[in-house]
Amino acid sequence: ISQLRGHVELMVTEVEPLAAEHAASLPGALAAACLGEARRKL
């Protein structure tokens, strides 16, 4: 769990700017939804 939490936290910081950059596209919107889900899981 500790390893997974660290990985998720790192990937949130990596995906967040990419999702913002592509916010107007479907892939960007899906990534933004996934970021919200990741934060809820954390």
PDB file of all heavy atoms in Angstrom:
ATOM      1  N   ILE A   1       0.841  -1.204   0.000  1.00  0.00           N
ATOM      2  CA  ILE A   1       0.000   0.000   0.000  1.00  0.00           C
ATOM      3  C   ILE A   1       0.874   1.251   0.000  1.00  0.00           C
ATOM      4  O   ILE A   1       0.614   2.204  -0.731  1.00  0.00           O
ATOM      5  CB  ILE A   1      -0.969  -0.005   1.202  1.00  0.00           C
ATOM      6  CG1 ILE A   1      -2.082  -1.020   0.955  1.00  0.00           C
ATOM      7  CG2 ILE A   1      -1.544   1.383   1.460  1.00  0.00           C
ATOM      8  CD1 ILE A   1      -2.974  -1.268   2.161  1.00  0.00           C
ATOM      9  N   SER A   2       1.930   1.235   0.785  1.00  0.00           N
ATOM     10  CA  SER A   2       2.835   2.379   0.835  1.00  0.00           C
ATOM     11  C   SER A   2       3.473   2.638  -0.531  1.00  0.00           C
ATOM     12  O   SER A   2       3.551   3.789  -0.982  1.00  0.00           O
ATOM     13  CB  SER A   2       3.916   2.131   1.891  1.00  0.00           C
ATOM     14  OG  SER A   2       4.815   3.195   1.937  1.00  0.00           O
ATOM     15  N   GLN A   3       3.916   1.589  -1.189  1.00  0.00           N
ATOM     16  CA  GLN A   3       4.503   1.735  -2.522  1.00  0.00           C
ATOM     17  C   GLN A   3       3.476   2.270  -3.516  1.00  0.00           C
ATOM     18  O   GLN A   3       3.761   3.194  -4.287  1.00  0.00           O
ATOM     19  CB  GLN A   3       5.046   0.395  -3.019  1.00  0.00           C
ATOM     20  CG  GLN A   3       6.259  -0.085  -2.286  1.00  0.00           C
ATOM     21  CD  GLN A   3       6.635  -1.506  -2.670  1.00  0.00           C
ATOM     22  OE1 GLN A   3       5.788  -2.326  -3.030  1.00  0.00           O
ATOM     23  NE2 GLN A   3       7.922  -1.807  -2.588  1.00  0.00           N
ATOM     24  N   LEU A   4       2.292   1.690  -3.502  1.00  0.00           N
ATOM     25  CA  LEU A   4       1.246   2.109  -4.433  1.00  0.00           C
ATOM     26  C   LEU A   4       0.841   3.558  -4.197  1.00  0.00           C
ATOM     27  O   LEU A   4       0.671   4.328  -5.152  1.00  0.00           O
ATOM     28  CB  LEU A   4       0.026   1.189  -4.312  1.00  0.00           C
ATOM     29  CG  LEU A   4       0.219  -0.216  -4.868  1.00  0.00           C
ATOM     30  CD1 LEU A   4      -0.886  -1.137  -4.383  1.00  0.00           C
ATOM     31  CD2 LEU A   4       0.286  -0.202  -6.387  1.00  0.00           C
ATOM     32  N   ARG A   5       0.716   3.950  -2.943  1.00  0.00           N
ATOM     33  CA  ARG A   5       0.360   5.346  -2.640  1.00  0.00           C
ATOM     34  C   ARG A   5       1.427   6.299  -3.175  1.00  0.00           C
ATOM     35  O   ARG A   5       1.112   7.331  -3.762  1.00  0.00           O
ATOM     36  CB  ARG A   5       0.171   5.543  -1.138  1.00  0.00           C
ATOM     37  CG  ARG A   5      -1.139   4.965  -0.615  1.00  0.00           C
ATOM     38  CD  ARG A   5      -1.289   5.205   0.883  1.00  0.00           C
ATOM     39  NE  ARG A   5      -1.310   6.619   1.207  1.00  0.00           N
ATOM     40  CZ  ARG A   5      -2.408   7.386   1.186  1.00  0.00           C
ATOM     41  NH1 ARG A   5      -3.570   6.859   0.870  1.00  0.00           N
ATOM     42  NH2 ARG A   5      -2.341   8.655   1.494  1.00  0.00           N
ATOM     43  N   GLY A   6       2.688   5.947  -2.985  1.00  0.00           N
ATOM     44  CA  GLY A   6       3.767   6.790  -3.503  1.00  0.00           C
ATOM     45  C   GLY A   6       3.729   6.888  -5.022  1.00  0.00           C
ATOM     46  O   GLY A   6       3.906   7.974  -5.591  1.00  0.00           O
ATOM     47  N   HIS A   7       3.478   5.771  -5.673  1.00  0.00           N
ATOM     48  CA  HIS A   7       3.385   5.769  -7.138  1.00  0.00           C
ATOM     49  C   HIS A   7       2.205   6.622  -7.610  1.00  0.00           C
ATOM     50  O   HIS A   7       2.336   7.409  -8.554  1.00  0.00           O
ATOM     51  CB  HIS A   7       3.229   4.348  -7.670  1.00  0.00           C
ATOM     52  CG  HIS A   7       4.426   3.475  -7.506  1.00  0.00           C
ATOM     53  ND1 HIS A   7       5.724   3.941  -7.461  1.00  0.00           N
ATOM     54  CD2 HIS A   7       4.525   2.123  -7.398  1.00  0.00           C
ATOM     55  CE1 HIS A   7       6.557   2.927  -7.325  1.00  0.00           C
ATOM     56  NE2 HIS A   7       5.851   1.812  -7.280  1.00  0.00           N
ATOM     57  N   VAL A   8       1.053   6.459  -6.959  1.00  0.00           N
ATOM     58  CA  VAL A   8      -0.132   7.225  -7.347  1.00  0.00           C
ATOM     59  C   VAL A   8       0.125   8.717  -7.132  1.00  0.00           C
ATOM     60  O   VAL A   8      -0.185   9.542  -8.008  1.00  0.00           O
ATOM     61  CB  VAL A   8      -1.390   6.749  -6.583  1.00  0.00           C
ATOM     62  CG1 VAL A   8      -2.560   7.709  -6.802  1.00  0.00           C
ATOM     63  CG2 VAL A   8      -1.779   5.337  -7.019  1.00  0.00           C
ATOM     64  N   GLU A   9       0.704   9.079  -6.008  1.00  0.00           N
ATOM     65  CA  GLU A   9       0.997  10.488  -5.737  1.00  0.00           C
ATOM     66  C   GLU A   9       1.918  11.077  -6.795  1.00  0.00           C
ATOM     67  O   GLU A   9       1.707  12.201  -7.271  1.00  0.00           O
ATOM     68  CB  GLU A   9       1.611  10.645  -4.344  1.00  0.00           C
ATOM     69  CG  GLU A   9       0.615  10.418  -3.228  1.00  0.00           C
ATOM     70  CD  GLU A   9       1.249  10.292  -1.848  1.00  0.00           C
ATOM     71  OE1 GLU A   9       2.495  10.299  -1.739  1.00  0.00           O
ATOM     72  OE2 GLU A   9       0.488  10.175  -0.870  1.00  0.00           O
ATOM     73  N   LEU A  10       2.942  10.324  -7.189  1.00  0.00           N
ATOM     74  CA  LEU A  10       3.853  10.806  -8.217  1.00  0.00           C
ATOM     75  C   LEU A  10       3.137  10.944  -9.561  1.00  0.00           C
ATOM     76  O   LEU A  10       3.288  11.948 -10.260  1.00  0.00           O
ATOM     77  CB  LEU A  10       5.061   9.871  -8.363  1.00  0.00           C
ATOM     78  CG  LEU A  10       6.038  10.234  -9.482  1.00  0.00           C
ATOM     79  CD1 LEU A  10       6.634  11.621  -9.257  1.00  0.00           C
ATOM     80  CD2 LEU A  10       7.123   9.198  -9.604  1.00  0.00           C
ATOM     81  N   MET A  11       2.327   9.946  -9.918  1.00  0.00           N
ATOM     82  CA  MET A  11       1.643  10.012 -11.208  1.00  0.00           C
ATOM     83  C   MET A  11       0.604  11.121 -11.248  1.00  0.00           C
ATOM     84  O   MET A  11       0.369  11.701 -12.309  1.00  0.00           O
ATOM     85  CB  MET A  11       1.024   8.658 -11.558  1.00  0.00           C
ATOM     86  CG  MET A  11       2.055   7.609 -11.956  1.00  0.00           C
ATOM     87  SD  MET A  11       3.224   8.160 -13.248  1.00  0.00           S
ATOM     88  CE  MET A  11       2.150   8.194 -14.673  1.00  0.00           C
ATOM     89  N   VAL A  12       0.004  11.446 -10.115  1.00  0.00           N
ATOM     90  CA  VAL A  12      -0.923  12.583 -10.077  1.00  0.00           C
ATOM     91  C   VAL A  12      -0.170  13.852 -10.472  1.00  0.00           C
ATOM     92  O   VAL A  12      -0.655  14.644 -11.282  1.00  0.00           O
ATOM     93  CB  VAL A  12      -1.588  12.717  -8.684  1.00  0.00           C
ATOM     94  CG1 VAL A  12      -2.216  14.096  -8.489  1.00  0.00           C
ATOM     95  CG2 VAL A  12      -2.640  11.630  -8.500  1.00  0.00           C
ATOM     96  N   THR A  13       1.034  14.042  -9.934  1.00  0.00           N
ATOM     97  CA  THR A  13       1.806  15.247 -10.268  1.00  0.00           C
ATOM     98  C   THR A  13       2.285  15.232 -11.717  1.00  0.00           C
ATOM     99  O   THR A  13       2.502  16.287 -12.298  1.00  0.00           O
ATOM    100  CB  THR A  13       3.017  15.434  -9.327  1.00  0.00           C
ATOM    101  OG1 THR A  13       3.929  14.361  -9.519  1.00  0.00           O
ATOM    102  CG2 THR A  13       2.587  15.523  -7.885  1.00  0.00           C
ATOM    103  N   GLU A  14       2.443  14.048 -12.299  1.00  0.00           N
ATOM    104  CA  GLU A  14       2.870  13.940 -13.695  1.00  0.00           C
ATOM    105  C   GLU A  14       1.702  14.138 -14.670  1.00  0.00           C
ATOM    106  O   GLU A  14       1.862  14.760 -15.714  1.00  0.00           O
ATOM    107  CB  GLU A  14       3.502  12.565 -13.953  1.00  0.00           C
ATOM    108  CG  GLU A  14       4.821  12.335 -13.260  1.00  0.00           C
ATOM    109  CD  GLU A  14       5.958  13.129 -13.860  1.00  0.00           C
ATOM    110  OE1 GLU A  14       5.959  13.363 -15.089  1.00  0.00           O
ATOM    111  OE2 GLU A  14       6.852  13.534 -13.103  1.00  0.00           O
ATOM    112  N   VAL A  15       0.545  13.588 -14.337  1.00  0.00           N
ATOM    113  CA  VAL A  15      -0.603  13.627 -15.252  1.00  0.00           C
ATOM    114  C   VAL A  15      -1.342  14.960 -15.181  1.00  0.00           C
ATOM    115  O   VAL A  15      -1.891  15.418 -16.181  1.00  0.00           O
ATOM    116  CB  VAL A  15      -1.556  12.434 -14.972  1.00  0.00           C
ATOM    117  CG1 VAL A  15      -2.837  12.541 -15.771  1.00  0.00           C
ATOM    118  CG2 VAL A  15      -0.840  11.116 -15.276  1.00  0.00           C
ATOM    119  N   GLU A  16      -1.332  15.602 -14.026  1.00  0.00           N
ATOM    120  CA  GLU A  16      -2.083  16.838 -13.846  1.00  0.00           C
ATOM    121  C   GLU A  16      -1.749  17.914 -14.890  1.00  0.00           C
ATOM    122  O   GLU A  16      -2.665  18.459 -15.527  1.00  0.00           O
ATOM    123  CB  GLU A  16      -1.871  17.362 -12.429  1.00  0.00           C
ATOM    124  CG  GLU A  16      -2.845  18.435 -12.043  1.00  0.00           C
ATOM    125  CD  GLU A  16      -2.787  18.698 -10.548  1.00  0.00           C
ATOM    126  OE1 GLU A  16      -1.682  18.742  -9.984  1.00  0.00           O
ATOM    127  OE2 GLU A  16      -3.869  18.850  -9.975  1.00  0.00           O
ATOM    128  N   PRO A  17      -0.488  18.236 -15.123  1.00  0.00           N
ATOM    129  CA  PRO A  17      -0.213  19.265 -16.133  1.00  0.00           C
ATOM    130  C   PRO A  17      -0.558  18.803 -17.553  1.00  0.00           C
ATOM    131  O   PRO A  17      -0.964  19.609 -18.387  1.00  0.00           O
ATOM    132  CB  PRO A  17       1.289  19.549 -15.996  1.00  0.00           C
ATOM    133  CG  PRO A  17       1.844  18.443 -15.188  1.00  0.00           C
ATOM    134  CD  PRO A  17       0.725  17.835 -14.418  1.00  0.00           C
ATOM    135  N   LEU A  18      -0.429  17.508 -17.816  1.00  0.00           N
ATOM    136  CA  LEU A  18      -0.792  16.988 -19.136  1.00  0.00           C
ATOM    137  C   LEU A  18      -2.291  17.102 -19.359  1.00  0.00           C
ATOM    138  O   LEU A  18      -2.751  17.467 -20.444  1.00  0.00           O
ATOM    139  CB  LEU A  18      -0.340  15.529 -19.278  1.00  0.00           C
ATOM    140  CG  LEU A  18       1.161  15.274 -19.237  1.00  0.00           C
ATOM    141  CD1 LEU A  18       1.452  13.775 -19.177  1.00  0.00           C
ATOM    142  CD2 LEU A  18       1.845  15.909 -20.438  1.00  0.00           C
ATOM    143  N   ALA A  19      -3.082  16.789 -18.326  1.00  0.00           N
ATOM    144  CA  ALA A  19      -4.536  16.897 -18.423  1.00  0.00           C
ATOM    145  C   ALA A  19      -4.948  18.349 -18.629  1.00  0.00           C
ATOM    146  O   ALA A  19      -5.842  18.640 -19.429  1.00  0.00           O
ATOM    147  CB  ALA A  19      -5.196  16.321 -17.176  1.00  0.00           C
ATOM    148  N   ALA A  20      -4.288  19.272 -17.937  1.00  0.00           N
ATOM    149  CA  ALA A  20      -4.602  20.699 -18.088  1.00  0.00           C
ATOM    150  C   ALA A  20      -4.259  21.179 -19.494  1.00  0.00           C
ATOM    151  O   ALA A  20      -5.010  21.962 -20.096  1.00  0.00           O
ATOM    152  CB  ALA A  20      -3.842  21.511 -17.047  1.00  0.00           C
ATOM    153  N   GLU A  21      -3.156  20.688 -20.020  1.00  0.00           N
ATOM    154  CA  GLU A  21      -2.728  21.065 -21.370  1.00  0.00           C
ATOM    155  C   GLU A  21      -3.714  20.574 -22.432  1.00  0.00           C
ATOM    156  O   GLU A  21      -3.893  21.208 -23.459  1.00  0.00           O
ATOM    157  CB  GLU A  21      -1.338  20.468 -21.634  1.00  0.00           C
ATOM    158  CG  GLU A  21      -0.729  20.824 -22.952  1.00  0.00           C
ATOM    159  CD  GLU A  21       0.640  20.184 -23.110  1.00  0.00           C
ATOM    160  OE1 GLU A  21       1.358  20.060 -22.098  1.00  0.00           O
ATOM    161  OE2 GLU A  21       0.965  19.802 -24.236  1.00  0.00           O
ATOM    162  N   HIS A  22      -4.361  19.445 -22.168  1.00  0.00           N
ATOM    163  CA  HIS A  22      -5.302  18.842 -23.113  1.00  0.00           C
ATOM    164  C   HIS A  22      -6.740  18.928 -22.606  1.00  0.00           C
ATOM    165  O   HIS A  22      -7.582  18.103 -22.950  1.00  0.00           O
ATOM    166  CB  HIS A  22      -4.938  17.375 -23.351  1.00  0.00           C
ATOM    167  CG  HIS A  22      -3.612  17.187 -24.000  1.00  0.00           C
ATOM    168  ND1 HIS A  22      -2.447  17.093 -23.270  1.00  0.00           N
ATOM    169  CD2 HIS A  22      -3.264  17.093 -25.300  1.00  0.00           C
ATOM    170  CE1 HIS A  22      -1.431  16.935 -24.102  1.00  0.00           C
ATOM    171  NE2 HIS A  22      -1.894  16.938 -25.335  1.00  0.00           N
ATOM    172  N   ALA A  23      -7.037  19.936 -21.791  1.00  0.00           N
ATOM    173  CA  ALA A  23      -8.347  20.040 -21.136  1.00  0.00           C
ATOM    174  C   ALA A  23      -9.507  20.099 -22.124  1.00  0.00           C
ATOM    175  O   ALA A  23     -10.601  19.637 -21.813  1.00  0.00           O
ATOM    176  CB  ALA A  23      -8.381  21.259 -20.224  1.00  0.00           C
ATOM    177  N   ALA A  24      -9.297  20.626 -23.295  1.00  0.00           N
ATOM    178  CA  ALA A  24     -10.377  20.775 -24.272  1.00  0.00           C
ATOM    179  C   ALA A  24     -10.663  19.486 -25.048  1.00  0.00           C
ATOM    180  O   ALA A  24     -11.608  19.435 -25.812  1.00  0.00           O
ATOM    181  CB  ALA A  24     -10.045  21.896 -25.249  1.00  0.00           C
ATOM    182  N   SER A  25      -9.857  18.462 -24.834  1.00  0.00           N
ATOM    183  CA  SER A  25     -10.036  17.211 -25.572  1.00  0.00           C
ATOM    184  C   SER A  25     -10.635  16.135 -24.675  1.00  0.00           C
ATOM    185  O   SER A  25     -10.585  16.225 -23.441  1.00  0.00           O
ATOM    186  CB  SER A  25      -8.689  16.720 -26.111  1.00  0.00           C
ATOM    187  OG  SER A  25      -7.867  16.291 -25.045  1.00  0.00           O
ATOM    188  N   LEU A  26     -11.196  15.102 -25.294  1.00  0.00           N
ATOM    189  CA  LEU A  26     -11.744  13.981 -24.532  1.00  0.00           C
ATOM    190  C   LEU A  26     -10.662  13.291 -23.702  1.00  0.00           C
ATOM    191  O   LEU A  26     -10.888  13.023 -22.517  1.00  0.00           O
ATOM    192  CB  LEU A  26     -12.444  12.987 -25.461  1.00  0.00           C
ATOM    193  CG  LEU A  26     -13.061  11.775 -24.774  1.00  0.00           C
ATOM    194  CD1 LEU A  26     -14.109  12.193 -23.754  1.00  0.00           C
ATOM    195  CD2 LEU A  26     -13.648  10.829 -25.799  1.00  0.00           C
ATOM    196  N   PRO A  27      -9.478  12.989 -24.257  1.00  0.00           N
ATOM    197  CA  PRO A  27      -8.442  12.367 -23.418  1.00  0.00           C
ATOM    198  C   PRO A  27      -8.066  13.222 -22.201  1.00  0.00           C
ATOM    199  O   PRO A  27      -7.832  12.701 -21.116  1.00  0.00           O
ATOM    200  CB  PRO A  27      -7.251  12.199 -24.368  1.00  0.00           C
ATOM    201  CG  PRO A  27      -7.872  12.128 -25.723  1.00  0.00           C
ATOM    202  CD  PRO A  27      -9.051  13.064 -25.659  1.00  0.00           C
ATOM    203  N   GLY A  28      -8.042  14.537 -22.378  1.00  0.00           N
ATOM    204  CA  GLY A  28      -7.732  15.424 -21.255  1.00  0.00           C
ATOM    205  C   GLY A  28      -8.821  15.400 -20.194  1.00  0.00           C
ATOM    206  O   GLY A  28      -8.542  15.380 -18.997  1.00  0.00           O
ATOM    207  N   ALA A  29     -10.076  15.376 -20.633  1.00  0.00           N
ATOM    208  CA  ALA A  29     -11.195  15.319 -19.691  1.00  0.00           C
ATOM    209  C   ALA A  29     -11.212  13.991 -18.937  1.00  0.00           C
ATOM    210  O   ALA A  29     -11.470  13.955 -17.732  1.00  0.00           O
ATOM    211  CB  ALA A  29     -12.510  15.528 -20.434  1.00  0.00           C
ATOM    212  N   LEU A  30     -10.923  12.904 -19.647  1.00  0.00           N
ATOM    213  CA  LEU A  30     -10.870  11.600 -18.992  1.00  0.00           C
ATOM    214  C   LEU A  30      -9.736  11.545 -17.964  1.00  0.00           C
ATOM    215  O   LEU A  30      -9.900  10.992 -16.877  1.00  0.00           O
ATOM    216  CB  LEU A  30     -10.703  10.489 -20.031  1.00  0.00           C
ATOM    217  CG  LEU A  30     -11.901  10.269 -20.954  1.00  0.00           C
ATOM    218  CD1 LEU A  30     -11.539   9.285 -22.065  1.00  0.00           C
ATOM    219  CD2 LEU A  30     -13.106   9.806 -20.178  1.00  0.00           C
ATOM    220  N   ALA A  31      -8.597  12.120 -18.320  1.00  0.00           N
ATOM    221  CA  ALA A  31      -7.475  12.151 -17.384  1.00  0.00           C
ATOM    222  C   ALA A  31      -7.824  12.980 -16.154  1.00  0.00           C
ATOM    223  O   ALA A  31      -7.483  12.597 -15.025  1.00  0.00           O
ATOM    224  CB  ALA A  31      -6.230  12.710 -18.072  1.00  0.00           C
ATOM    225  N   ALA A  32      -8.537  14.100 -16.356  1.00  0.00           N
ATOM    226  CA  ALA A  32      -8.939  14.940 -15.218  1.00  0.00           C
ATOM    227  C   ALA A  32      -9.874  14.165 -14.284  1.00  0.00           C
ATOM    228  O   ALA A  32      -9.748  14.256 -13.054  1.00  0.00           O
ATOM    229  CB  ALA A  32      -9.611  16.222 -15.715  1.00  0.00           C
ATOM    230  N   ALA A  33     -10.794  13.394 -14.855  1.00  0.00           N
ATOM    231  CA  ALA A  33     -11.689  12.582 -14.030  1.00  0.00           C
ATOM    232  C   ALA A  33     -10.902  11.533 -13.256  1.00  0.00           C
ATOM    233  O   ALA A  33     -11.174  11.279 -12.074  1.00  0.00           O
ATOM    234  CB  ALA A  33     -12.743  11.920 -14.906  1.00  0.00           C
ATOM    235  N   CYS A  34      -9.925  10.936 -13.892  1.00  0.00           N
ATOM    236  CA  CYS A  34      -9.088   9.932 -13.241  1.00  0.00           C
ATOM    237  C   CYS A  34      -8.275  10.561 -12.101  1.00  0.00           C
ATOM    238  O   CYS A  34      -8.090   9.942 -11.053  1.00  0.00           O
ATOM    239  CB  CYS A  34      -8.165   9.275 -14.267  1.00  0.00           C
ATOM    240  SG  CYS A  34      -7.187   7.917 -13.597  1.00  0.00           S
ATOM    241  N   LEU A  35      -7.816  11.785 -12.300  1.00  0.00           N
ATOM    242  CA  LEU A  35      -7.080  12.482 -11.237  1.00  0.00           C
ATOM    243  C   LEU A  35      -7.957  12.665 -10.004  1.00  0.00           C
ATOM    244  O   LEU A  35      -7.500  12.466  -8.871  1.00  0.00           O
ATOM    245  CB  LEU A  35      -6.582  13.838 -11.733  1.00  0.00           C
ATOM    246  CG  LEU A  35      -5.414  13.791 -12.710  1.00  0.00           C
ATOM    247  CD1 LEU A  35      -5.247  15.142 -13.403  1.00  0.00           C
ATOM    248  CD2 LEU A  35      -4.143  13.377 -12.002  1.00  0.00           C
ATOM    249  N   GLY A  36      -9.220  13.021 -10.219  1.00  0.00           N
ATOM    250  CA  GLY A  36     -10.144  13.158  -9.104  1.00  0.00           C
ATOM    251  C   GLY A  36     -10.339  11.835  -8.376  1.00  0.00           C
ATOM    252  O   GLY A  36     -10.349  11.782  -7.144  1.00  0.00           O
ATOM    253  N   GLU A  37     -10.480  10.766  -9.147  1.00  0.00           N
ATOM    254  CA  GLU A  37     -10.639   9.442  -8.553  1.00  0.00           C
ATOM    255  C   GLU A  37      -9.386   9.042  -7.777  1.00  0.00           C
ATOM    256  O   GLU A  37      -9.467   8.475  -6.676  1.00  0.00           O
ATOM    257  CB  GLU A  37     -10.943   8.411  -9.636  1.00  0.00           C
ATOM    258  CG  GLU A  37     -11.247   7.045  -9.111  1.00  0.00           C
ATOM    259  CD  GLU A  37     -12.498   6.970  -8.248  1.00  0.00           C
ATOM    260  OE1 GLU A  37     -13.362   7.859  -8.337  1.00  0.00           O
ATOM    261  OE2 GLU A  37     -12.607   6.004  -7.467  1.00  0.00           O
ATOM    262  N   ALA A  38      -8.223   9.335  -8.323  1.00  0.00           N
ATOM    263  CA  ALA A  38      -6.961   9.007  -7.639  1.00  0.00           C
ATOM    264  C   ALA A  38      -6.872   9.737  -6.307  1.00  0.00           C
ATOM    265  O   ALA A  38      -6.481   9.148  -5.285  1.00  0.00           O
ATOM    266  CB  ALA A  38      -5.775   9.362  -8.527  1.00  0.00           C
ATOM    267  N   ARG A  39      -7.247  11.006  -6.291  1.00  0.00           N
ATOM    268  CA  ARG A  39      -7.208  11.773  -5.036  1.00  0.00           C
ATOM    269  C   ARG A  39      -8.189  11.201  -4.011  1.00  0.00           C
ATOM    270  O   ARG A  39      -7.889  11.143  -2.821  1.00  0.00           O
ATOM    271  CB  ARG A  39      -7.504  13.244  -5.321  1.00  0.00           C
ATOM    272  CG  ARG A  39      -6.357  13.937  -6.024  1.00  0.00           C
ATOM    273  CD  ARG A  39      -6.613  15.425  -6.153  1.00  0.00           C
ATOM    274  NE  ARG A  39      -5.535  16.042  -6.859  1.00  0.00           N
ATOM    275  CZ  ARG A  39      -5.545  16.366  -8.151  1.00  0.00           C
ATOM    276  NH1 ARG A  39      -6.621  16.145  -8.879  1.00  0.00           N
ATOM    277  NH2 ARG A  39      -4.493  16.921  -8.718  1.00  0.00           N
ATOM    278  N   ARG A  40      -9.369  10.782  -4.479  1.00  0.00           N
ATOM    279  CA  ARG A  40     -10.337  10.178  -3.549  1.00  0.00           C
ATOM    280  C   ARG A  40      -9.789   8.878  -2.967  1.00  0.00           C
ATOM    281  O   ARG A  40      -9.959   8.595  -1.780  1.00  0.00           O
ATOM    282  CB  ARG A  40     -11.668   9.934  -4.257  1.00  0.00           C
ATOM    283  CG  ARG A  40     -12.490  11.208  -4.433  1.00  0.00           C
ATOM    284  CD  ARG A  40     -13.874  10.935  -4.962  1.00  0.00           C
ATOM    285  NE  ARG A  40     -13.888  10.476  -6.342  1.00  0.00           N
ATOM    286  CZ  ARG A  40     -13.782  11.268  -7.414  1.00  0.00           C
ATOM    287  NH1 ARG A  40     -13.645  12.579  -7.250  1.00  0.00           N
ATOM    288  NH2 ARG A  40     -13.816  10.767  -8.623  1.00  0.00           N
ATOM    289  N   LYS A  41      -9.106   8.102  -3.793  1.00  0.00           N
ATOM    290  CA  LYS A  41      -8.530   6.837  -3.309  1.00  0.00           C
ATOM    291  C   LYS A  41      -7.433   7.117  -2.283  1.00  0.00           C
ATOM    292  O   LYS A  41      -7.328   6.418  -1.276  1.00  0.00           O
ATOM    293  CB  LYS A  41      -7.960   6.026  -4.469  1.00  0.00           C
ATOM    294  CG  LYS A  41      -8.978   5.640  -5.516  1.00  0.00           C
ATOM    295  CD  LYS A  41      -9.425   4.234  -5.339  1.00  0.00           C
ATOM    296  CE  LYS A  41     -10.293   3.780  -6.476  1.00  0.00           C
ATOM    297  NZ  LYS A  41     -11.668   4.218  -6.429  1.00  0.00           N
ATOM    298  N   LEU A  42      -6.629   8.126  -2.533  1.00  0.00           N
ATOM    299  CA  LEU A  42      -5.577   8.485  -1.574  1.00  0.00           C
ATOM    300  C   LEU A  42      -6.188   8.962  -0.258  1.00  0.00           C
ATOM    301  O   LEU A  42      -5.724   8.585   0.821  1.00  0.00           O
ATOM    302  CB  LEU A  42      -4.653   9.549  -2.165  1.00  0.00           C
ATOM    303  CG  LEU A  42      -3.752   9.087  -3.302  1.00  0.00           C
ATOM    304  CD1 LEU A  42      -3.077  10.288  -3.965  1.00  0.00           C
ATOM    305  CD2 LEU A  42      -2.727   8.077  -2.824  1.00  0.00           C
TER     306      LEU A  42
END
